[in-house]
Amino acid sequence: MFLIILGVLIIVIGFFLSRGESPAKRFSGIIRLAGIGLALIGAAFSMFKVIDAGQVGVKKLYGKVDDDVLYSGLNIINPLVDVTTFDIKTQNYTMSGQHNEDGKSTDDAIRILTSDGLEVTIDLSVLFSVRPDDAPKILKEIGPDYLDKIVRPIARTAIRDNAVSYEAISLYSIRRQEFQNKIFNVINESFAKRGLKLEQLLIRNVTLPESVRKTIESKINAEQDAQKMQFVLQKEKQEAERKRVEAQGIADYQRILSTGLTDRQLQYESILAQKAIALSPNTKIILMGNGKNPVILGGN
């Protein structure tokens, strides 16, 4: 386009020079030919437009948007049109509290009020893409700045409008996935009307008020202490049961001995033991008997 404009200007200059009386008049024809050539070269180059992969182009001529979409590759177009490109790959728009490289805070997290009147801070990531066939519609109705005009306000409004149905603790724990699915459907419907496709919605973090966090931590610590005490009591109970079984076994053993062994059986067992000693090759002296009539045995 620049070459075309420059060529036209050179042609105009050559035209005015041809009507004057200056010495440059005789060169006006050459100047006009150079301008025509430059304009033709610019037009030739402007007729070809390369669209990169993952993008589409939208043509606009004198403010009027063409509904035809230019897809990736080499396209032949009217050299006078202006082409606006749109990224159709998946885009990530995150709203969170973060810090820049210079250390300054850029807090864009979403602050909401829950049904129990508590303020909760949510970090959110929106994964979306531009629908290729709707790129002309976006250019006409929204413009290329659809992130700040559509993505951000719709996501924030959907979260605030739906958070009033949940308590803070529920959003933090048991109903977090339910809340995420609900706002996904709301945002997806709004995006579809404006030529955008919502691919995924990620609630990255839910920050509760300091007082609520301390209450939860105290509750968790109390539950852990209770579980620890339960474990100790269970262990003591098992140890007591072990000792009871052991004592019962000793008592049963003593009862069996006291009721099942007679004097004759004990005398017989004693004779067997003394016989085994007598047969041993070691030197020994054995006294046998009940003390009244002892029998003395000797051996090597």
C-alpha atoms as a PDB file:
ATOM      1  CA  MET A   1       0.000   0.000   0.000  1.00  0.00           C
ATOM      2  CA  PHE A   2       2.848   2.387   0.831  1.00  0.00           C
ATOM      3  CA  LEU A   3       4.417   1.876  -2.606  1.00  0.00           C
ATOM      4  CA  ILE A   4       1.107   2.585  -4.321  1.00  0.00           C
ATOM      5  CA  ILE A   5       0.652   5.856  -2.448  1.00  0.00           C
ATOM      6  CA  LEU A   6       4.246   6.859  -3.118  1.00  0.00           C
ATOM      7  CA  GLY A   7       3.851   6.075  -6.805  1.00  0.00           C
ATOM      8  CA  VAL A   8       0.668   8.140  -7.028  1.00  0.00           C
ATOM      9  CA  LEU A   9       2.418  11.079  -5.379  1.00  0.00           C
ATOM     10  CA  ILE A  10       5.298  10.857  -7.861  1.00  0.00           C
ATOM     11  CA  ILE A  11       2.820  10.784 -10.755  1.00  0.00           C
ATOM     12  CA  VAL A  12       1.100  13.897  -9.403  1.00  0.00           C
ATOM     13  CA  ILE A  13       4.450  15.661  -9.040  1.00  0.00           C
ATOM     14  CA  GLY A  14       5.348  14.739 -12.594  1.00  0.00           C
ATOM     15  CA  PHE A  15       2.019  16.051 -13.807  1.00  0.00           C
ATOM     16  CA  PHE A  16       2.565  19.461 -12.182  1.00  0.00           C
ATOM     17  CA  LEU A  17       6.123  19.656 -13.490  1.00  0.00           C
ATOM     18  CA  SER A  18       4.878  19.058 -17.024  1.00  0.00           C
ATOM     19  CA  ARG A  19       2.649  22.157 -16.823  1.00  0.00           C
ATOM     20  CA  GLY A  20       5.336  24.510 -15.555  1.00  0.00           C
ATOM     21  CA  GLU A  21       8.188  26.367 -17.265  1.00  0.00           C
ATOM     22  CA  SER A  22      10.999  25.041 -15.085  1.00  0.00           C
ATOM     23  CA  PRO A  23      13.998  23.155 -16.512  1.00  0.00           C
ATOM     24  CA  ALA A  24      12.614  20.002 -14.868  1.00  0.00           C
ATOM     25  CA  LYS A  25       9.692  20.046 -17.302  1.00  0.00           C
ATOM     26  CA  ARG A  26      11.545  17.889 -19.779  1.00  0.00           C
ATOM     27  CA  PHE A  27      11.952  15.224 -17.038  1.00  0.00           C
ATOM     28  CA  SER A  28       8.282  15.180 -16.067  1.00  0.00           C
ATOM     29  CA  GLY A  29       7.519  12.308 -18.383  1.00  0.00           C
ATOM     30  CA  ILE A  30      10.247  10.165 -16.856  1.00  0.00           C
ATOM     31  CA  ILE A  31       9.048  11.080 -13.371  1.00  0.00           C
ATOM     32  CA  ARG A  32       5.481  10.085 -14.222  1.00  0.00           C
ATOM     33  CA  LEU A  33       6.669   6.808 -15.730  1.00  0.00           C
ATOM     34  CA  ALA A  34       8.692   6.106 -12.587  1.00  0.00           C
ATOM     35  CA  GLY A  35       5.649   6.872 -10.464  1.00  0.00           C
ATOM     36  CA  ILE A  36       3.467   4.584 -12.557  1.00  0.00           C
ATOM     37  CA  GLY A  37       6.025   1.822 -12.330  1.00  0.00           C
ATOM     38  CA  LEU A  38       6.357   2.225  -8.577  1.00  0.00           C
ATOM     39  CA  ALA A  39       2.583   2.184  -8.156  1.00  0.00           C
ATOM     40  CA  LEU A  40       2.314  -0.977 -10.276  1.00  0.00           C
ATOM     41  CA  ILE A  41       5.016  -2.699  -8.229  1.00  0.00           C
ATOM     42  CA  GLY A  42       3.271  -1.706  -5.008  1.00  0.00           C
ATOM     43  CA  ALA A  43      -0.050  -2.976  -6.356  1.00  0.00           C
ATOM     44  CA  ALA A  44       1.558  -6.265  -7.378  1.00  0.00           C
ATOM     45  CA  PHE A  45       2.993  -6.768  -3.911  1.00  0.00           C
ATOM     46  CA  SER A  46      -0.219  -5.669  -2.210  1.00  0.00           C
ATOM     47  CA  MET A  47      -2.239  -8.246  -4.134  1.00  0.00           C
ATOM     48  CA  PHE A  48      -0.536 -11.056  -2.235  1.00  0.00           C
ATOM     49  CA  LYS A  49      -1.186 -11.567   1.478  1.00  0.00           C
ATOM     50  CA  VAL A  50       0.383 -14.368   3.521  1.00  0.00           C
ATOM     51  CA  ILE A  51      -1.570 -15.495   6.590  1.00  0.00           C
ATOM     52  CA  ASP A  52       0.496 -17.400   9.161  1.00  0.00           C
ATOM     53  CA  ALA A  53      -0.539 -20.765  10.598  1.00  0.00           C
ATOM     54  CA  GLY A  54      -2.973 -20.437  13.497  1.00  0.00           C
ATOM     55  CA  GLN A  55      -4.348 -17.150  12.187  1.00  0.00           C
ATOM     56  CA  VAL A  56      -7.117 -15.864   9.913  1.00  0.00           C
ATOM     57  CA  GLY A  57      -7.412 -12.562   8.106  1.00  0.00           C
ATOM     58  CA  VAL A  58     -10.393 -10.210   7.783  1.00  0.00           C
ATOM     59  CA  LYS A  59     -10.554  -7.754   4.876  1.00  0.00           C
ATOM     60  CA  LYS A  60     -11.708  -4.184   5.282  1.00  0.00           C
ATOM     61  CA  LEU A  61     -12.098  -1.681   2.429  1.00  0.00           C
ATOM     62  CA  TYR A  62     -12.837   1.960   3.275  1.00  0.00           C
ATOM     63  CA  GLY A  63     -14.309   0.937   6.650  1.00  0.00           C
ATOM     64  CA  LYS A  64     -16.510  -1.869   5.295  1.00  0.00           C
ATOM     65  CA  VAL A  65     -15.734  -5.334   6.659  1.00  0.00           C
ATOM     66  CA  ASP A  66     -15.838  -8.253   4.228  1.00  0.00           C
ATOM     67  CA  ASP A  67     -17.504 -11.431   5.545  1.00  0.00           C
ATOM     68  CA  ASP A  68     -15.034 -13.645   3.655  1.00  0.00           C
ATOM     69  CA  VAL A  69     -12.214 -14.989   5.805  1.00  0.00           C
ATOM     70  CA  LEU A  70      -8.595 -15.374   4.676  1.00  0.00           C
ATOM     71  CA  TYR A  71      -7.107 -18.611   5.975  1.00  0.00           C
ATOM     72  CA  SER A  72      -3.443 -19.516   6.468  1.00  0.00           C
ATOM     73  CA  GLY A  73      -1.330 -19.529   3.328  1.00  0.00           C
ATOM     74  CA  LEU A  74      -0.957 -17.243   0.299  1.00  0.00           C
ATOM     75  CA  ASN A  75      -4.062 -15.229  -0.610  1.00  0.00           C
ATOM     76  CA  ILE A  76      -4.677 -12.909  -3.600  1.00  0.00           C
ATOM     77  CA  ILE A  77      -6.616  -9.824  -2.573  1.00  0.00           C
ATOM     78  CA  ASN A  78      -7.584  -6.365  -3.715  1.00  0.00           C
ATOM     79  CA  PRO A  79      -4.459  -4.224  -3.206  1.00  0.00           C
ATOM     80  CA  LEU A  80      -6.568  -1.459  -1.667  1.00  0.00           C
ATOM     81  CA  VAL A  81      -8.004  -3.528   1.198  1.00  0.00           C
ATOM     82  CA  ASP A  82      -6.654  -3.533   4.728  1.00  0.00           C
ATOM     83  CA  VAL A  83      -6.275  -6.975   6.378  1.00  0.00           C
ATOM     84  CA  THR A  84      -6.659  -7.511  10.136  1.00  0.00           C
ATOM     85  CA  THR A  85      -5.354 -10.823  11.470  1.00  0.00           C
ATOM     86  CA  PHE A  86      -6.893 -12.792  14.340  1.00  0.00           C
ATOM     87  CA  ASP A  87      -5.173 -15.496  16.393  1.00  0.00           C
ATOM     88  CA  ILE A  88      -7.354 -18.623  16.367  1.00  0.00           C
ATOM     89  CA  LYS A  89      -5.072 -20.738  18.575  1.00  0.00           C
ATOM     90  CA  THR A  90      -5.949 -21.434  22.204  1.00  0.00           C
ATOM     91  CA  GLN A  91      -5.375 -18.331  24.309  1.00  0.00           C
ATOM     92  CA  ASN A  92      -4.919 -18.140  28.068  1.00  0.00           C
ATOM     93  CA  TYR A  93      -6.270 -15.155  29.973  1.00  0.00           C
ATOM     94  CA  THR A  94      -5.468 -15.285  33.696  1.00  0.00           C
ATOM     95  CA  MET A  95      -6.869 -13.066  36.421  1.00  0.00           C
ATOM     96  CA  SER A  96      -4.847 -13.342  39.623  1.00  0.00           C
ATOM     97  CA  GLY A  97      -2.725 -11.490  42.119  1.00  0.00           C
ATOM     98  CA  GLN A  98       0.834 -11.460  40.781  1.00  0.00           C
ATOM     99  CA  HIS A  99       3.973  -9.351  40.572  1.00  0.00           C
ATOM    100  CA  ASN A 100       5.783  -7.905  37.586  1.00  0.00           C
ATOM    101  CA  GLU A 101       9.517  -8.163  37.018  1.00  0.00           C
ATOM    102  CA  ASP A 102       9.958  -4.751  38.655  1.00  0.00           C
ATOM    103  CA  GLY A 103       8.287  -6.068  41.816  1.00  0.00           C
ATOM    104  CA  LYS A 104       5.084  -4.046  41.433  1.00  0.00           C
ATOM    105  CA  SER A 105       1.834  -5.819  42.197  1.00  0.00           C
ATOM    106  CA  THR A 106      -0.714  -6.272  39.389  1.00  0.00           C
ATOM    107  CA  ASP A 107      -3.576  -7.659  41.407  1.00  0.00           C
ATOM    108  CA  ASP A 108      -6.311  -8.701  38.990  1.00  0.00           C
ATOM    109  CA  ALA A 109      -7.830 -11.408  41.179  1.00  0.00           C
ATOM    110  CA  ILE A 110     -11.615 -11.584  41.463  1.00  0.00           C
ATOM    111  CA  ARG A 111     -13.081 -10.581  44.833  1.00  0.00           C
ATOM    112  CA  ILE A 112     -16.572 -11.856  45.523  1.00  0.00           C
ATOM    113  CA  LEU A 113     -19.111 -11.925  48.349  1.00  0.00           C
ATOM    114  CA  THR A 114     -20.508 -15.343  49.260  1.00  0.00           C
ATOM    115  CA  SER A 115     -23.922 -16.172  50.668  1.00  0.00           C
ATOM    116  CA  ASP A 116     -22.605 -15.949  54.244  1.00  0.00           C
ATOM    117  CA  GLY A 117     -21.301 -12.403  53.664  1.00  0.00           C
ATOM    118  CA  LEU A 118     -17.596 -13.258  53.479  1.00  0.00           C
ATOM    119  CA  GLU A 119     -15.200 -11.837  50.894  1.00  0.00           C
ATOM    120  CA  VAL A 120     -13.368 -14.540  48.946  1.00  0.00           C
ATOM    121  CA  THR A 121     -10.573 -13.968  46.425  1.00  0.00           C
ATOM    122  CA  ILE A 122     -10.455 -16.203  43.348  1.00  0.00           C
ATOM    123  CA  ASP A 123      -7.641 -16.675  40.828  1.00  0.00           C
ATOM    124  CA  LEU A 124      -9.066 -17.721  37.461  1.00  0.00           C
ATOM    125  CA  SER A 125      -7.671 -18.835  34.092  1.00  0.00           C
ATOM    126  CA  VAL A 126      -9.837 -18.758  30.960  1.00  0.00           C
ATOM    127  CA  LEU A 127      -8.760 -20.897  28.002  1.00  0.00           C
ATOM    128  CA  PHE A 128     -10.559 -19.821  24.839  1.00  0.00           C
ATOM    129  CA  SER A 129     -10.157 -19.322  21.098  1.00  0.00           C
ATOM    130  CA  VAL A 130     -11.625 -17.224  18.298  1.00  0.00           C
ATOM    131  CA  ARG A 131     -14.013 -19.055  15.976  1.00  0.00           C
ATOM    132  CA  PRO A 132     -12.489 -18.581  12.484  1.00  0.00           C
ATOM    133  CA  ASP A 133     -15.796 -18.015  10.685  1.00  0.00           C
ATOM    134  CA  ASP A 134     -16.841 -15.415  13.275  1.00  0.00           C
ATOM    135  CA  ALA A 135     -13.702 -13.278  12.947  1.00  0.00           C
ATOM    136  CA  PRO A 136     -15.465 -10.692  10.685  1.00  0.00           C
ATOM    137  CA  LYS A 137     -18.287 -10.446  13.224  1.00  0.00           C
ATOM    138  CA  ILE A 138     -15.794  -9.822  16.026  1.00  0.00           C
ATOM    139  CA  LEU A 139     -14.070  -7.083  14.012  1.00  0.00           C
ATOM    140  CA  LYS A 140     -17.385  -5.358  13.226  1.00  0.00           C
ATOM    141  CA  GLU A 141     -19.041  -5.641  16.640  1.00  0.00           C
ATOM    142  CA  ILE A 142     -16.152  -5.760  19.110  1.00  0.00           C
ATOM    143  CA  GLY A 143     -12.840  -5.006  17.448  1.00  0.00           C
ATOM    144  CA  PRO A 144      -9.476  -6.669  17.950  1.00  0.00           C
ATOM    145  CA  ASP A 145      -9.396  -5.799  21.678  1.00  0.00           C
ATOM    146  CA  TYR A 146     -11.800  -8.587  22.665  1.00  0.00           C
ATOM    147  CA  LEU A 147      -9.782  -9.583  25.742  1.00  0.00           C
ATOM    148  CA  ASP A 148     -10.603  -6.464  27.764  1.00  0.00           C
ATOM    149  CA  LYS A 149     -13.994  -5.892  26.164  1.00  0.00           C
ATOM    150  CA  ILE A 150     -15.432  -9.427  26.326  1.00  0.00           C
ATOM    151  CA  VAL A 151     -13.303 -12.093  28.030  1.00  0.00           C
ATOM    152  CA  ARG A 152     -12.438 -10.253  31.245  1.00  0.00           C
ATOM    153  CA  PRO A 153     -15.791  -8.579  32.059  1.00  0.00           C
ATOM    154  CA  ILE A 154     -17.926 -11.614  31.188  1.00  0.00           C
ATOM    155  CA  ALA A 155     -15.793 -13.979  33.292  1.00  0.00           C
ATOM    156  CA  ARG A 156     -15.745 -11.665  36.304  1.00  0.00           C
ATOM    157  CA  THR A 157     -19.476 -10.950  36.130  1.00  0.00           C
ATOM    158  CA  ALA A 158     -20.376 -14.637  35.827  1.00  0.00           C
ATOM    159  CA  ILE A 159     -18.333 -15.524  38.895  1.00  0.00           C
ATOM    160  CA  ARG A 160     -19.741 -12.702  41.024  1.00  0.00           C
ATOM    161  CA  ASP A 161     -23.342 -13.407  40.009  1.00  0.00           C
ATOM    162  CA  ASN A 162     -23.091 -17.122  40.868  1.00  0.00           C
ATOM    163  CA  ALA A 163     -20.951 -16.910  43.994  1.00  0.00           C
ATOM    164  CA  VAL A 164     -23.862 -15.521  46.038  1.00  0.00           C
ATOM    165  CA  SER A 165     -25.388 -19.020  46.026  1.00  0.00           C
ATOM    166  CA  TYR A 166     -22.460 -20.591  47.865  1.00  0.00           C
ATOM    167  CA  GLU A 167     -20.889 -20.309  51.282  1.00  0.00           C
ATOM    168  CA  ALA A 168     -17.198 -19.488  51.527  1.00  0.00           C
ATOM    169  CA  ILE A 169     -16.227 -22.872  52.967  1.00  0.00           C
ATOM    170  CA  SER A 170     -18.168 -24.661  50.219  1.00  0.00           C
ATOM    171  CA  LEU A 171     -16.328 -22.783  47.479  1.00  0.00           C
ATOM    172  CA  TYR A 172     -13.048 -23.662  49.154  1.00  0.00           C
ATOM    173  CA  SER A 173     -13.782 -27.372  49.473  1.00  0.00           C
ATOM    174  CA  ILE A 174     -16.738 -29.597  48.662  1.00  0.00           C
ATOM    175  CA  ARG A 175     -18.662 -27.483  46.090  1.00  0.00           C
ATOM    176  CA  ARG A 176     -15.731 -25.986  44.217  1.00  0.00           C
ATOM    177  CA  GLN A 177     -16.105 -28.251  41.172  1.00  0.00           C
ATOM    178  CA  GLU A 178     -19.858 -27.668  41.065  1.00  0.00           C
ATOM    179  CA  PHE A 179     -19.276 -23.898  41.088  1.00  0.00           C
ATOM    180  CA  GLN A 180     -16.661 -24.182  38.332  1.00  0.00           C
ATOM    181  CA  ASN A 181     -19.009 -26.210  36.099  1.00  0.00           C
ATOM    182  CA  LYS A 182     -21.835 -23.734  36.662  1.00  0.00           C
ATOM    183  CA  ILE A 183     -19.876 -20.650  35.661  1.00  0.00           C
ATOM    184  CA  PHE A 184     -18.365 -22.562  32.731  1.00  0.00           C
ATOM    185  CA  ASN A 185     -21.840 -23.004  31.232  1.00  0.00           C
ATOM    186  CA  VAL A 186     -22.706 -19.339  31.780  1.00  0.00           C
ATOM    187  CA  ILE A 187     -19.492 -18.009  30.224  1.00  0.00           C
ATOM    188  CA  ASN A 188     -19.596 -20.507  27.364  1.00  0.00           C
ATOM    189  CA  GLU A 189     -23.066 -19.322  26.362  1.00  0.00           C
ATOM    190  CA  SER A 190     -22.005 -15.672  26.428  1.00  0.00           C
ATOM    191  CA  PHE A 191     -18.824 -16.341  24.457  1.00  0.00           C
ATOM    192  CA  ALA A 192     -20.678 -18.296  21.750  1.00  0.00           C
ATOM    193  CA  LYS A 193     -22.903 -15.286  21.033  1.00  0.00           C
ATOM    194  CA  ARG A 194     -19.824 -13.152  20.380  1.00  0.00           C
ATOM    195  CA  GLY A 195     -17.782 -15.482  18.204  1.00  0.00           C
ATOM    196  CA  LEU A 196     -15.569 -16.951  20.933  1.00  0.00           C
ATOM    197  CA  LYS A 197     -15.221 -20.557  22.053  1.00  0.00           C
ATOM    198  CA  LEU A 198     -14.628 -21.352  25.721  1.00  0.00           C
ATOM    199  CA  GLU A 199     -12.374 -24.394  25.943  1.00  0.00           C
ATOM    200  CA  GLN A 200     -11.657 -24.658  29.657  1.00  0.00           C
ATOM    201  CA  LEU A 201     -12.176 -22.735  32.864  1.00  0.00           C
ATOM    202  CA  LEU A 202      -9.735 -23.208  35.735  1.00  0.00           C
ATOM    203  CA  ILE A 203     -10.257 -21.928  39.263  1.00  0.00           C
ATOM    204  CA  ARG A 204      -6.613 -21.871  40.279  1.00  0.00           C
ATOM    205  CA  ASN A 205      -6.960 -20.711  43.856  1.00  0.00           C
ATOM    206  CA  VAL A 206      -9.642 -19.744  46.387  1.00  0.00           C
ATOM    207  CA  THR A 207      -8.388 -17.517  49.210  1.00  0.00           C
ATOM    208  CA  LEU A 208     -10.536 -17.263  52.321  1.00  0.00           C
ATOM    209  CA  PRO A 209     -10.491 -14.423  54.865  1.00  0.00           C
ATOM    210  CA  GLU A 210      -7.760 -14.676  57.512  1.00  0.00           C
ATOM    211  CA  SER A 211     -10.247 -15.352  60.326  1.00  0.00           C
ATOM    212  CA  VAL A 212     -11.832 -18.237  58.413  1.00  0.00           C
ATOM    213  CA  ARG A 213      -8.451 -19.728  57.563  1.00  0.00           C
ATOM    214  CA  LYS A 214      -7.433 -19.700  61.221  1.00  0.00           C
ATOM    215  CA  THR A 215     -10.712 -21.375  62.194  1.00  0.00           C
ATOM    216  CA  ILE A 216     -10.174 -24.107  59.595  1.00  0.00           C
ATOM    217  CA  GLU A 217      -6.586 -24.643  60.716  1.00  0.00           C
ATOM    218  CA  SER A 218      -7.698 -24.945  64.363  1.00  0.00           C
ATOM    219  CA  LYS A 219     -10.354 -27.455  63.381  1.00  0.00           C
ATOM    220  CA  ILE A 220      -7.879 -29.507  61.361  1.00  0.00           C
ATOM    221  CA  ASN A 221      -5.375 -29.504  64.236  1.00  0.00           C
ATOM    222  CA  ALA A 222      -8.097 -30.598  66.668  1.00  0.00           C
ATOM    223  CA  GLU A 223      -9.142 -33.417  64.357  1.00  0.00           C
ATOM    224  CA  GLN A 224      -5.531 -34.546  64.004  1.00  0.00           C
ATOM    225  CA  ASP A 225      -5.086 -34.523  67.790  1.00  0.00           C
ATOM    226  CA  ALA A 226      -8.280 -36.539  68.192  1.00  0.00           C
ATOM    227  CA  GLN A 227      -7.099 -39.069  65.646  1.00  0.00           C
ATOM    228  CA  LYS A 228      -3.728 -39.313  67.386  1.00  0.00           C
ATOM    229  CA  MET A 229      -5.424 -39.905  70.755  1.00  0.00           C
ATOM    230  CA  GLN A 230      -7.688 -42.503  69.171  1.00  0.00           C
ATOM    231  CA  PHE A 231      -4.606 -44.308  67.904  1.00  0.00           C
ATOM    232  CA  VAL A 232      -2.966 -44.217  71.357  1.00  0.00           C
ATOM    233  CA  LEU A 233      -6.120 -45.527  73.047  1.00  0.00           C
ATOM    234  CA  GLN A 234      -6.444 -48.291  70.497  1.00  0.00           C
ATOM    235  CA  LYS A 235      -2.832 -49.299  71.041  1.00  0.00           C
ATOM    236  CA  GLU A 236      -3.259 -49.344  74.835  1.00  0.00           C
ATOM    237  CA  LYS A 237      -6.400 -51.409  74.476  1.00  0.00           C
ATOM    238  CA  GLN A 238      -4.576 -53.943  72.333  1.00  0.00           C
ATOM    239  CA  GLU A 239      -1.718 -54.113  74.866  1.00  0.00           C
ATOM    240  CA  ALA A 240      -4.170 -54.670  77.715  1.00  0.00           C
ATOM    241  CA  GLU A 241      -5.863 -57.419  75.724  1.00  0.00           C
ATOM    242  CA  ARG A 242      -2.468 -59.057  75.100  1.00  0.00           C
ATOM    243  CA  LYS A 243      -1.606 -59.033  78.798  1.00  0.00           C
ATOM    244  CA  ARG A 244      -5.030 -60.453  79.699  1.00  0.00           C
ATOM    245  CA  VAL A 245      -4.577 -63.344  77.273  1.00  0.00           C
ATOM    246  CA  GLU A 246      -1.068 -63.964  78.596  1.00  0.00           C
ATOM    247  CA  ALA A 247      -2.280 -64.015  82.214  1.00  0.00           C
ATOM    248  CA  GLN A 248      -5.132 -66.318  81.295  1.00  0.00           C
ATOM    249  CA  GLY A 249      -2.659 -68.693  79.643  1.00  0.00           C
ATOM    250  CA  ILE A 250      -0.440 -68.805  82.744  1.00  0.00           C
ATOM    251  CA  ALA A 251      -3.457 -69.421  84.968  1.00  0.00           C
ATOM    252  CA  ASP A 252      -4.669 -72.238  82.741  1.00  0.00           C
ATOM    253  CA  TYR A 253      -1.177 -73.776  82.744  1.00  0.00           C
ATOM    254  CA  GLN A 254      -0.958 -73.718  86.513  1.00  0.00           C
ATOM    255  CA  ARG A 255      -4.420 -75.206  86.876  1.00  0.00           C
ATOM    256  CA  ILE A 256      -3.549 -78.054  84.559  1.00  0.00           C
ATOM    257  CA  LEU A 257      -0.380 -78.799  86.519  1.00  0.00           C
ATOM    258  CA  SER A 258      -2.138 -78.718  89.862  1.00  0.00           C
ATOM    259  CA  THR A 259      -4.968 -81.024  88.829  1.00  0.00           C
ATOM    260  CA  GLY A 260      -3.413 -83.328  86.246  1.00  0.00           C
ATOM    261  CA  LEU A 261      -0.085 -84.536  87.814  1.00  0.00           C
ATOM    262  CA  THR A 262      -0.034 -87.278  90.538  1.00  0.00           C
ATOM    263  CA  ASP A 263       2.786 -88.270  92.925  1.00  0.00           C
ATOM    264  CA  ARG A 264       3.414 -91.483  91.037  1.00  0.00           C
ATOM    265  CA  GLN A 265       3.687 -89.641  87.733  1.00  0.00           C
ATOM    266  CA  LEU A 266       6.134 -87.166  89.252  1.00  0.00           C
ATOM    267  CA  GLN A 267       8.184 -90.085  90.724  1.00  0.00           C
ATOM    268  CA  TYR A 268       8.252 -91.797  87.348  1.00  0.00           C
ATOM    269  CA  GLU A 269       9.429 -88.645  85.581  1.00  0.00           C
ATOM    270  CA  SER A 270      12.160 -88.246  88.209  1.00  0.00           C
ATOM    271  CA  ILE A 271      13.423 -91.800  87.643  1.00  0.00           C
ATOM    272  CA  LEU A 272      13.608 -91.214  83.897  1.00  0.00           C
ATOM    273  CA  ALA A 273      15.632 -88.031  84.388  1.00  0.00           C
ATOM    274  CA  GLN A 274      18.035 -89.717  86.824  1.00  0.00           C
ATOM    275  CA  LYS A 275      18.473 -92.636  84.476  1.00  0.00           C
ATOM    276  CA  ALA A 276      19.463 -90.324  81.675  1.00  0.00           C
ATOM    277  CA  ILE A 277      22.069 -88.739  83.953  1.00  0.00           C
ATOM    278  CA  ALA A 278      23.429 -92.123  84.989  1.00  0.00           C
ATOM    279  CA  LEU A 279      23.920 -93.190  81.393  1.00  0.00           C
ATOM    280  CA  SER A 280      25.907 -90.060  80.640  1.00  0.00           C
ATOM    281  CA  PRO A 281      29.723 -90.726  80.198  1.00  0.00           C
ATOM    282  CA  ASN A 282      30.554 -87.879  82.563  1.00  0.00           C
ATOM    283  CA  THR A 283      31.669 -88.664  86.173  1.00  0.00           C
ATOM    284  CA  LYS A 284      28.791 -88.290  88.608  1.00  0.00           C
ATOM    285  CA  ILE A 285      27.274 -89.423  91.884  1.00  0.00           C
ATOM    286  CA  ILE A 286      23.528 -89.931  91.969  1.00  0.00           C
ATOM    287  CA  LEU A 287      21.364 -90.288  95.068  1.00  0.00           C
ATOM    288  CA  MET A 288      18.117 -92.106  94.405  1.00  0.00           C
ATOM    289  CA  GLY A 289      15.240 -92.606  96.720  1.00  0.00           C
ATOM    290  CA  ASN A 290      12.949 -90.543  98.910  1.00  0.00           C
ATOM    291  CA  GLY A 291      15.476 -89.856 101.623  1.00  0.00           C
ATOM    292  CA  LYS A 292      14.715 -92.893 103.784  1.00  0.00           C
ATOM    293  CA  ASN A 293      16.473 -95.572 101.752  1.00  0.00           C
ATOM    294  CA  PRO A 294      18.760 -93.743  99.309  1.00  0.00           C
ATOM    295  CA  VAL A 295      20.551 -95.613  96.560  1.00  0.00           C
ATOM    296  CA  ILE A 296      23.979 -94.299  95.568  1.00  0.00           C
ATOM    297  CA  LEU A 297      25.143 -94.700  91.983  1.00  0.00           C
ATOM    298  CA  GLY A 298      28.580 -93.764  90.789  1.00  0.00           C
ATOM    299  CA  GLY A 299      30.131 -93.532  87.346  1.00  0.00           C
ATOM    300  CA  ASN A 300      33.010 -92.189  85.344  1.00  0.00           C
END
